[in-house]
Amino acid sequence: MTTHFINAEIDLQESPGKLNQEIEKELEKIGIPLRWAVTKVDTEKQKANVEAIVFEEVNFKINS
């Protein structure tokens, strides 16, 4: 088990609900999102900066 601190840049969406879905979709590519927050919005570039903590399960192989 490992946790990671992630900074991500997400395209702004038409509605807040869609933005939440897009953020979670992007974070799930890395692991299970434990918590996240939008820390900055750039309206000119139409981007949102997100800071997150994600949980990643690490599988170890034991060679025998």
Protein backbone atom coordinates (compact mmCIF):
# COMPACT_ATOMS: atom_id res chain seq x y z
CA MET A 1 0.00 0.00 0.00
CA THR A 2 1.31 3.40 -0.97
CA THR A 3 -0.12 6.89 -0.87
CA HIS A 4 0.86 9.56 -3.37
CA PHE A 5 0.48 13.32 -3.37
CA ILE A 6 -0.66 14.36 -6.85
CA ASN A 7 -0.84 17.71 -8.61
CA ALA A 8 -3.04 17.58 -11.69
CA GLU A 9 -4.34 20.04 -14.25
CA ILE A 10 -7.91 19.35 -15.39
CA ASP A 11 -9.90 21.02 -18.17
CA LEU A 12 -12.84 23.01 -16.83
CA GLN A 13 -16.23 21.45 -17.59
CA GLU A 14 -19.66 22.88 -18.35
CA SER A 15 -21.03 22.05 -14.90
CA PRO A 16 -19.56 21.41 -11.43
CA GLY A 17 -20.87 17.84 -11.49
CA LYS A 18 -19.00 17.08 -14.69
CA LEU A 19 -15.84 18.66 -13.23
CA ASN A 20 -16.06 16.35 -10.19
CA GLN A 21 -16.47 13.32 -12.47
CA GLU A 22 -13.51 14.36 -14.65
CA ILE A 23 -11.26 14.91 -11.62
CA GLU A 24 -12.13 11.53 -10.12
CA LYS A 25 -11.69 9.82 -13.50
CA GLU A 26 -8.19 11.28 -13.90
CA LEU A 27 -7.17 10.42 -10.33
CA GLU A 28 -8.45 6.85 -10.65
CA LYS A 29 -5.88 6.31 -13.43
CA ILE A 30 -3.26 6.52 -10.66
CA GLY A 31 -5.08 4.91 -7.72
CA ILE A 32 -8.01 5.30 -5.36
CA PRO A 33 -8.61 8.98 -4.51
CA LEU A 34 -8.66 9.47 -0.74
CA ARG A 35 -9.17 13.23 -0.90
CA TRP A 36 -8.71 16.03 -3.39
CA ALA A 37 -9.20 19.78 -3.67
CA VAL A 38 -9.28 22.33 -6.45
CA THR A 39 -6.53 24.77 -5.47
CA LYS A 40 -6.54 27.16 -8.43
CA VAL A 41 -8.70 27.99 -11.44
CA ASP A 42 -7.27 29.64 -14.55
CA THR A 43 -10.24 31.02 -16.45
CA GLU A 44 -8.12 32.17 -19.40
CA LYS A 45 -6.71 28.68 -20.01
CA GLN A 46 -9.93 26.99 -18.79
CA LYS A 47 -7.92 24.76 -16.41
CA ALA A 48 -8.33 23.77 -12.77
CA ASN A 49 -5.36 22.76 -10.63
CA VAL A 50 -6.10 19.86 -8.30
CA GLU A 51 -4.09 18.55 -5.36
CA ALA A 52 -4.92 15.02 -4.27
CA ILE A 53 -3.91 12.10 -2.11
CA VAL A 54 -4.39 8.75 -3.84
CA PHE A 55 -3.96 5.23 -2.53
CA GLU A 56 -2.21 2.68 -4.68
CA GLU A 57 -2.14 -0.99 -3.83
CA VAL A 58 1.26 -2.45 -4.63
CA ASN A 59 1.48 -6.15 -5.43
CA PHE A 60 4.73 -7.81 -4.54
CA LYS A 61 5.90 -10.98 -6.22
CA ILE A 62 7.95 -13.42 -4.21
CA ASN A 63 10.24 -15.52 -6.36
CA SER A 64 10.57 -19.06 -5.10
